[in-house]
Protein backbone atom coordinates (compact mmCIF):
# COMPACT_ATOMS: atom_id res chain seq x y z
CA MET A 1 0.00 0.00 0.00
CA LEU A 2 2.78 2.40 0.94
CA ALA A 3 4.62 1.66 -2.28
CA ALA A 4 1.47 2.26 -4.30
CA ALA A 5 0.85 5.53 -2.49
CA LEU A 6 4.34 6.69 -3.24
CA LEU A 7 3.93 5.84 -6.90
CA MET A 8 0.75 7.91 -7.05
CA VAL A 9 2.50 11.02 -5.69
CA GLY A 10 4.65 12.84 -8.20
CA GLY A 11 8.30 13.31 -7.34
CA PRO A 12 9.54 16.72 -6.32
CA ALA A 13 9.79 19.28 -9.10
CA VAL A 14 13.31 19.88 -10.35
CA ALA A 15 14.26 23.42 -9.40
CA ALA A 16 15.54 25.63 -12.18
CA LYS A 17 19.20 26.58 -12.08
CA VAL A 18 19.78 30.17 -11.04
CA VAL A 19 22.41 32.55 -12.43
CA LYS A 20 22.74 35.56 -10.17
CA VAL A 21 24.14 38.81 -11.54
CA GLY A 22 25.19 41.43 -9.00
CA ILE A 23 25.34 45.15 -9.79
CA VAL A 24 27.36 47.37 -7.47
CA SER A 25 27.07 51.04 -8.39
CA VAL A 26 26.42 54.53 -7.06
CA LEU A 27 22.69 55.00 -6.56
CA SER A 28 22.81 57.96 -4.17
CA GLY A 29 24.67 61.26 -4.02
CA PRO A 30 25.79 63.70 -6.73
CA VAL A 31 26.88 61.08 -9.31
CA ALA A 32 23.86 58.81 -8.92
CA VAL A 33 22.94 59.61 -12.52
CA ILE A 34 25.74 57.21 -13.50
CA GLY A 35 24.63 54.37 -11.25
CA ASN A 36 20.93 54.69 -11.94
CA GLY A 37 21.68 54.40 -15.65
CA GLU A 38 23.73 51.29 -15.00
CA LYS A 39 20.92 49.74 -12.96
CA TRP A 40 18.33 50.50 -15.64
CA ALA A 41 20.56 49.07 -18.36
CA ALA A 42 21.15 45.88 -16.36
CA GLU A 43 17.41 45.45 -15.92
CA MET A 44 16.93 45.83 -19.66
CA ALA A 45 19.71 43.34 -20.45
CA VAL A 46 18.20 40.66 -18.21
CA ALA A 47 14.71 41.30 -19.61
CA ASP A 48 15.99 41.18 -23.21
CA PHE A 49 18.11 38.06 -22.81
CA GLU A 50 16.55 35.15 -24.65
CA GLY A 51 17.43 32.85 -21.80
CA ILE A 52 19.01 29.50 -21.11
CA GLU A 53 16.69 26.52 -20.91
CA GLY A 54 16.14 25.44 -17.31
CA THR A 55 17.92 28.51 -15.94
CA LYS A 56 16.55 31.55 -14.13
CA ILE A 57 18.40 34.87 -14.27
CA GLU A 58 18.31 36.99 -11.11
CA LEU A 59 19.60 40.54 -10.70
CA VAL A 60 20.83 41.78 -7.30
CA VAL A 61 21.62 45.51 -7.02
CA ARG A 62 23.58 47.31 -4.30
CA ASP A 63 24.55 50.96 -3.74
CA HIS A 64 28.17 51.68 -2.79
CA ALA A 65 27.54 55.45 -2.51
CA TYR A 66 30.86 56.09 -4.33
CA ASN A 67 32.72 54.81 -1.26
CA PRO A 68 35.50 52.19 -1.66
CA GLY A 69 34.94 50.80 1.85
CA VAL A 70 31.25 50.34 1.21
CA ALA A 71 32.01 48.77 -2.18
CA ASN A 72 34.27 46.26 -0.48
CA GLU A 73 31.54 45.30 2.00
CA LYS A 74 28.84 45.09 -0.68
CA ALA A 75 31.04 42.83 -2.82
CA LYS A 76 31.72 40.56 0.15
CA GLU A 77 27.99 40.43 0.91
CA LEU A 78 27.07 39.62 -2.69
CA TYR A 79 29.66 36.88 -3.08
CA GLU A 80 29.15 35.27 0.34
CA LYS A 81 25.49 35.82 1.31
CA GLU A 82 23.76 36.39 -2.02
CA ASN A 83 26.00 33.87 -3.81
CA VAL A 84 26.13 35.91 -6.99
CA ASP A 85 28.08 34.46 -9.90
CA VAL A 86 29.38 37.81 -11.12
CA ILE A 87 29.52 41.46 -10.05
CA ILE A 88 29.27 44.07 -12.80
CA ALA A 89 29.73 47.88 -12.93
CA CYS A 90 31.27 49.69 -9.89
CA PRO A 91 32.18 53.33 -10.66
CA ASN A 92 35.18 54.78 -8.77
CA SER A 93 38.61 53.27 -9.34
CA ALA A 94 39.40 52.66 -5.66
CA ALA A 95 36.04 50.94 -5.23
CA ALA A 96 36.64 48.73 -8.28
CA LEU A 97 40.10 47.76 -7.02
CA ALA A 98 38.52 46.69 -3.72
CA VAL A 99 35.91 44.59 -5.52
CA ALA A 100 38.65 43.04 -7.68
CA GLN A 101 40.37 41.77 -4.54
CA GLN A 102 37.12 40.29 -3.27
CA ALA A 103 36.65 38.58 -6.63
CA LYS A 104 40.11 37.05 -6.33
CA LEU A 105 39.48 35.97 -2.73
CA HIS A 106 36.12 34.35 -3.55
CA LYS A 107 37.17 33.09 -7.01
CA LYS A 108 34.12 34.72 -8.55
CA LEU A 109 33.91 37.00 -11.56
CA PHE A 110 33.98 40.78 -11.54
CA ILE A 111 33.37 42.69 -14.79
CA SER A 112 34.43 46.28 -14.21
CA THR A 113 32.57 48.57 -16.61
CA SER A 114 32.82 51.98 -14.94
CA ALA A 115 36.25 52.42 -13.33
CA GLY A 116 38.98 54.06 -15.37
CA THR A 117 42.11 52.83 -13.64
CA THR A 118 44.54 50.82 -15.74
CA ASP A 119 45.66 49.05 -12.54
CA LEU A 120 42.86 46.56 -13.21
CA ILE A 121 44.85 45.45 -16.26
CA GLY A 122 48.15 46.21 -14.58
CA LYS A 123 49.53 45.66 -11.09
CA ALA A 124 46.11 44.74 -9.61
CA CYS A 125 44.94 42.39 -12.37
CA ASN A 126 43.81 38.86 -11.63
CA ARG A 127 42.16 36.11 -13.64
CA TYR A 128 38.72 36.74 -12.12
CA VAL A 129 38.53 40.35 -13.31
CA PHE A 130 37.49 41.52 -16.77
CA LYS A 131 37.69 45.18 -17.77
CA TRP A 132 34.81 46.19 -20.03
CA ASN A 133 34.37 49.60 -21.59
CA TYR A 134 36.87 52.46 -21.37
CA ASN A 135 39.94 53.00 -19.26
CA ASP A 136 42.00 56.12 -18.54
CA TYR A 137 44.56 55.28 -21.20
CA MET A 138 41.86 55.02 -23.86
CA LEU A 139 40.30 58.38 -22.91
CA ALA A 140 43.63 60.20 -22.75
CA THR A 141 45.03 58.62 -25.90
CA THR A 142 41.95 59.33 -28.00
CA VAL A 143 41.61 62.99 -27.01
CA GLY A 144 45.37 63.57 -26.72
CA ILE A 145 46.35 62.14 -30.09
CA LEU A 146 43.42 63.46 -32.13
CA GLY A 147 43.44 66.75 -30.22
CA ALA A 148 47.16 67.37 -30.75
CA GLU A 149 46.70 66.58 -34.43
CA LYS A 150 43.62 68.75 -35.00
CA LEU A 151 43.09 71.25 -32.17
CA GLY A 152 46.46 72.64 -31.14
CA LYS A 153 49.91 71.87 -29.74
CA ARG A 154 50.00 74.02 -26.59
CA TRP A 155 47.90 72.52 -23.75
CA TYR A 156 46.99 73.43 -20.18
CA THR A 157 45.39 70.90 -17.85
CA ILE A 158 43.17 71.20 -14.79
CA THR A 159 43.06 67.86 -13.01
CA SER A 160 41.00 66.28 -10.22
CA ASP A 161 43.36 65.61 -7.33
CA TYR A 162 42.89 61.91 -6.66
CA ALA A 163 44.16 58.65 -8.14
CA TRP A 164 41.93 58.79 -11.23
CA GLY A 165 43.07 62.29 -12.13
CA HIS A 166 46.75 61.55 -11.56
CA ASN A 167 46.58 58.45 -13.74
CA LEU A 168 44.72 60.33 -16.45
CA LEU A 169 47.19 63.23 -16.47
CA LYS A 170 50.11 60.85 -16.99
CA HIS A 171 48.49 59.19 -20.02
CA PHE A 172 47.23 62.53 -21.35
CA THR A 173 50.69 64.11 -21.28
CA GLU A 174 52.22 61.11 -23.06
CA ALA A 175 49.55 61.17 -25.78
CA VAL A 176 49.85 64.91 -26.45
CA GLU A 177 53.65 64.77 -26.55
CA SER A 178 53.58 61.79 -28.92
CA LYS A 179 52.10 64.14 -31.54
CA GLY A 180 54.45 67.04 -30.91
CA GLY A 181 52.28 68.84 -28.38
CA LYS A 182 53.25 70.18 -24.97
CA VAL A 183 51.46 70.53 -21.64
CA VAL A 184 52.60 73.97 -20.49
CA GLY A 185 50.94 73.88 -17.07
CA ASN A 186 48.70 71.89 -14.76
CA ASP A 187 46.72 72.47 -11.57
CA MET A 188 45.58 69.72 -9.23
CA VAL A 189 42.14 70.61 -7.85
CA ALA A 190 40.25 69.00 -4.99
CA LEU A 191 37.05 67.12 -5.76
CA HIS A 192 33.80 69.10 -5.54
CA THR A 193 35.53 72.48 -5.82
CA SER A 194 32.96 75.19 -6.46
CA ASP A 195 35.26 78.12 -7.35
CA TYR A 196 37.53 77.42 -10.32
CA SER A 197 38.40 81.06 -10.99
CA PRO A 198 42.02 80.88 -9.66
CA TYR A 199 42.79 77.96 -11.96
CA ILE A 200 41.11 79.48 -14.99
CA LEU A 201 43.08 82.71 -14.50
CA LYS A 202 46.35 80.74 -14.30
CA ALA A 203 45.39 78.91 -17.47
CA MET A 204 44.68 82.21 -19.26
CA ASN A 205 48.10 83.57 -18.32
CA ALA A 206 49.76 80.47 -19.83
CA LYS A 207 48.13 81.26 -23.20
CA PRO A 208 47.35 77.66 -24.28
CA GLU A 209 45.60 76.65 -27.47
CA VAL A 210 43.74 73.84 -25.70
CA LEU A 211 42.42 73.57 -22.13
CA ALA A 212 41.97 69.98 -20.93
CA LEU A 213 39.58 69.51 -18.01
CA LEU A 214 40.49 66.19 -16.42
CA ASN A 215 37.46 65.95 -14.17
CA VAL A 216 33.88 64.74 -14.27
CA GLY A 217 30.35 65.51 -13.11
CA LYS A 218 29.80 68.70 -11.12
CA ASP A 219 33.51 69.53 -11.35
CA ALA A 220 33.27 69.45 -15.15
CA VAL A 221 30.25 71.79 -15.01
CA ASN A 222 31.85 74.24 -12.55
CA SER A 223 35.20 74.43 -14.37
CA THR A 224 33.57 74.87 -17.79
CA LYS A 225 31.26 77.60 -16.52
CA ALA A 226 34.25 79.41 -15.05
CA ALA A 227 36.10 79.19 -18.38
CA ALA A 228 33.06 80.76 -20.07
CA GLU A 229 32.64 83.50 -17.43
CA TYR A 230 36.26 84.65 -17.71
CA GLY A 231 36.27 84.57 -21.51
CA LEU A 232 38.77 81.72 -21.82
CA LYS A 233 36.29 79.60 -23.72
CA LYS A 234 36.33 82.14 -26.55
CA LYS A 235 40.13 81.96 -26.84
CA VAL A 236 40.88 78.24 -26.53
CA THR A 237 39.41 74.86 -27.38
CA ILE A 238 38.19 72.89 -24.38
CA VAL A 239 38.46 69.13 -24.16
CA HIS A 240 37.11 66.93 -21.37
CA ALA A 241 38.36 63.65 -19.98
CA LEU A 242 34.80 62.51 -19.33
CA LEU A 243 31.63 64.30 -20.31
CA PHE A 244 28.19 62.77 -19.98
CA GLU A 245 24.77 63.78 -21.19
CA PRO A 246 23.53 64.46 -17.62
CA SER A 247 26.33 67.00 -17.08
CA ILE A 248 25.43 68.81 -20.30
CA ARG A 249 21.77 68.68 -19.35
CA GLY A 250 22.54 70.14 -15.93
CA GLY A 251 25.03 72.79 -17.04
CA GLY A 252 23.24 73.73 -20.25
CA VAL A 253 24.28 72.86 -23.78
CA ALA A 254 25.45 76.45 -24.40
CA THR A 255 28.03 76.03 -21.63
CA PHE A 256 29.64 73.05 -23.36
CA ALA A 257 28.98 73.88 -27.03
CA GLY A 258 32.02 73.17 -29.20
CA ASP A 259 33.85 71.19 -26.50
CA TYR A 260 35.39 67.77 -27.19
CA THR A 261 35.53 64.49 -25.31
CA ALA A 262 36.37 60.84 -25.91
CA ALA A 263 34.04 57.88 -25.51
CA PRO A 264 33.89 54.20 -26.41
CA TRP A 265 30.24 54.61 -27.38
CA ASN A 266 27.48 57.12 -27.88
CA TRP A 267 23.88 56.48 -28.80
CA VAL A 268 24.44 58.08 -32.23
CA VAL A 269 27.17 55.63 -33.31
CA ASP A 270 26.39 53.35 -36.23
CA ASN A 271 26.34 50.04 -34.35
CA PRO A 272 23.56 47.56 -35.10
CA GLY A 273 20.95 47.92 -32.36
CA ALA A 274 22.41 51.06 -30.79
CA ARG A 275 19.55 53.34 -31.75
CA ASP A 276 16.92 50.75 -30.82
CA PHE A 277 18.52 50.34 -27.39
CA ALA A 278 18.68 54.12 -26.94
CA ASP A 279 15.03 54.54 -27.95
CA ARG A 280 13.85 51.84 -25.54
CA TYR A 281 16.03 53.26 -22.77
CA LEU A 282 14.52 56.71 -23.43
CA LYS A 283 11.03 55.26 -23.17
CA LYS A 284 11.93 53.54 -19.88
CA THR A 285 13.82 56.41 -18.22
CA GLY A 286 13.01 59.66 -20.01
CA GLU A 287 16.64 60.17 -21.05
CA ARG A 288 19.19 58.76 -23.47
CA PRO A 289 21.78 56.25 -22.20
CA HIS A 290 25.27 57.45 -21.33
CA PHE A 291 28.09 55.11 -22.33
CA MET A 292 28.42 53.68 -18.79
CA ALA A 293 24.86 52.39 -19.07
CA ALA A 294 25.46 50.98 -22.54
CA ALA A 295 28.58 49.18 -21.29
CA VAL A 296 26.62 47.52 -18.49
CA TYR A 297 23.97 46.36 -20.96
CA SER A 298 26.72 44.85 -23.13
CA ALA A 299 28.61 43.28 -20.21
CA VAL A 300 25.51 41.66 -18.71
CA THR A 301 24.46 40.33 -22.12
CA GLN A 302 27.91 39.04 -23.06
CA TYR A 303 28.35 37.43 -19.63
CA LEU A 304 25.05 35.57 -19.99
CA LEU A 305 25.98 34.46 -23.50
CA ALA A 306 29.30 33.19 -22.11
CA VAL A 307 27.37 31.22 -19.48
CA LYS A 308 25.31 29.76 -22.29
CA ARG A 309 28.43 28.79 -24.27
CA ALA A 310 30.01 27.33 -21.13
CA GLY A 311 26.97 25.23 -20.30
CA GLY A 312 26.55 26.88 -16.90
CA ALA A 313 27.91 29.53 -14.55
CA ASP A 314 31.01 27.63 -13.43
CA THR A 315 33.57 30.40 -13.04
CA GLU A 316 36.49 28.67 -14.72
CA LYS A 317 34.41 27.62 -17.72
CA VAL A 318 32.96 31.12 -18.13
CA ILE A 319 36.46 32.64 -18.00
CA LYS A 320 37.48 30.37 -20.86
CA ALA A 321 34.31 31.32 -22.78
CA LEU A 322 35.15 35.02 -22.45
CA GLU A 323 38.89 34.98 -23.10
CA GLY A 324 39.71 35.72 -26.72
CA HIS A 325 36.02 36.10 -27.60
CA THR A 326 35.02 38.41 -30.46
CA PHE A 327 31.46 39.74 -30.48
CA LYS A 328 29.24 42.28 -32.14
CA ASP A 329 26.52 44.07 -30.22
CA MET A 330 25.04 47.54 -29.80
CA PHE A 331 28.10 48.64 -27.76
CA ALA A 332 31.03 47.32 -29.80
CA ASN A 333 31.12 46.40 -33.48
CA PRO A 334 33.27 44.44 -33.15
CA GLY A 335 34.41 43.99 -29.57
CA TYR A 336 37.19 41.68 -28.45
CA VAL A 337 38.17 40.36 -25.02
CA ARG A 338 41.96 40.12 -24.78
CA PRO A 339 43.11 36.91 -23.06
CA GLU A 340 46.39 38.53 -21.97
CA ASP A 341 44.82 41.11 -19.62
CA HIS A 342 41.03 40.63 -19.87
CA GLN A 343 40.50 44.10 -21.38
CA GLN A 344 37.53 44.36 -23.72
CA VAL A 345 38.55 46.57 -26.62
CA GLY A 346 36.75 48.33 -29.45
CA LYS A 347 36.87 51.48 -31.54
CA ALA A 348 37.14 54.77 -29.60
CA TYR A 349 35.41 57.98 -30.67
CA LEU A 350 36.14 61.69 -30.49
CA LEU A 351 32.89 63.58 -29.85
CA ARG A 352 32.07 67.27 -30.14
CA VAL A 353 29.21 68.98 -28.33
CA LYS A 354 26.68 70.51 -30.71
CA GLN A 355 25.64 74.13 -30.78
CA PRO A 356 22.25 74.76 -29.09
CA ASP A 357 20.45 75.29 -32.42
CA GLN A 358 21.70 71.89 -33.66
CA VAL A 359 20.10 69.92 -30.82
CA LYS A 360 17.02 68.17 -32.22
CA GLY A 361 15.77 66.01 -29.36
CA THR A 362 16.34 64.62 -25.88
CA ASP A 363 20.07 64.42 -25.08
CA ASP A 364 21.00 65.02 -28.74
CA TYR A 365 24.22 66.72 -27.65
CA PHE A 366 27.10 64.98 -29.46
CA GLU A 367 28.38 64.49 -32.97
CA VAL A 368 31.13 62.03 -33.87
CA VAL A 369 34.10 63.86 -35.40
CA GLY A 370 36.89 61.27 -35.23
CA SER A 371 37.88 57.80 -34.09
CA LEU A 372 40.83 55.59 -33.22
CA PRO A 373 41.08 51.86 -33.94
CA ALA A 374 40.93 49.59 -30.90
CA GLU A 375 44.60 48.60 -31.09
CA GLN A 376 45.71 52.23 -30.86
CA ALA A 377 43.13 53.45 -28.37
CA PHE A 378 43.67 50.67 -25.80
CA GLY A 379 47.37 50.03 -26.23
CA LYS A 380 49.07 46.67 -26.62
CA PRO A 381 48.08 43.49 -24.75
CA GLY A 382 49.97 43.33 -21.48
CA GLN A 383 51.24 46.90 -21.87
CA PHE A 384 50.34 47.78 -18.29
CA GLY A 385 51.95 44.71 -16.77
CA CYS A 386 49.16 42.14 -16.71
CA LYS A 387 50.10 38.86 -18.40
CA LEU A 388 47.43 36.32 -17.48
CA ASN A 389 47.98 33.94 -20.38
CA LYS A 390 51.61 34.06 -21.40
């Protein structure tokens, strides 16, 4: 009787496998526009993914508030308590370096999309870290080389005084000098400085042809407004290390009109699916995606495709599925993941901010005016000291 009863009761349902994707970003504070975009893009990537039979995709999001210590704790929590298979995003270089160490300790993947430091493919590299999107070398090389060729030879720099700025200045100077240019002066400026007038006046006295603002966010807005107020913007060309649509939106397109910046992507680039992604993102959020958001969409999608190729989320198998992989998506056409240092590379673009009367729609601020091939923009494999697969 007992045997018969057991036969009549169906066996327990087989639970679906779960792949858990963690997003650590900045969702509060003055640069939350970056992190919110990354979160929205990750949500879209998971929703758009066609799926893996018998597998459920879960997204777990945490705010590190742009604080390296908090990032370290959030990464530890995600790897240990949430049991995520990968962490993606993480703006702020110091925060990303902390997460990279947690990835190494837990032998879990970290795909850094938003930190610029080349240390992730240099002295702090490890086999569990992949660097998607830009890095400081790519930004500096693109603007420095194309700028020194087309905009002028005599440069002055105003630089954010922390690790990111210092690293960027080094690469910027090398790029400008490689094309016969010269950096005639530089000022290191504390983060969140409101009054840039002393630095703008020093720059004016140096009589440069190009002013490079190696800062981001509110600092980019404040320094550019000061350059306009003191008339420097009428005398020199301004280039930016990083310039996002939200900064232009906040500072006003007239403030930034005619300025240049580098980017690995913009929603106007001619990549298959780029405009469709930007339109759907606009419908979801009310704004166009900045390149940090686009990079997260690409990284989440390409990670899930690697899981599919690997037959599961086993870390070692996914690493092998990513190393040396060439892909085409809305972010990179093509993109390539270098096995030597785990840097994802692709074409880099020089962008110019439109004049106010040229803006035709929401966040229609940039036009593409130049590009560098991936091999030139990102440097050589292992150039920064990382040699994972000799």
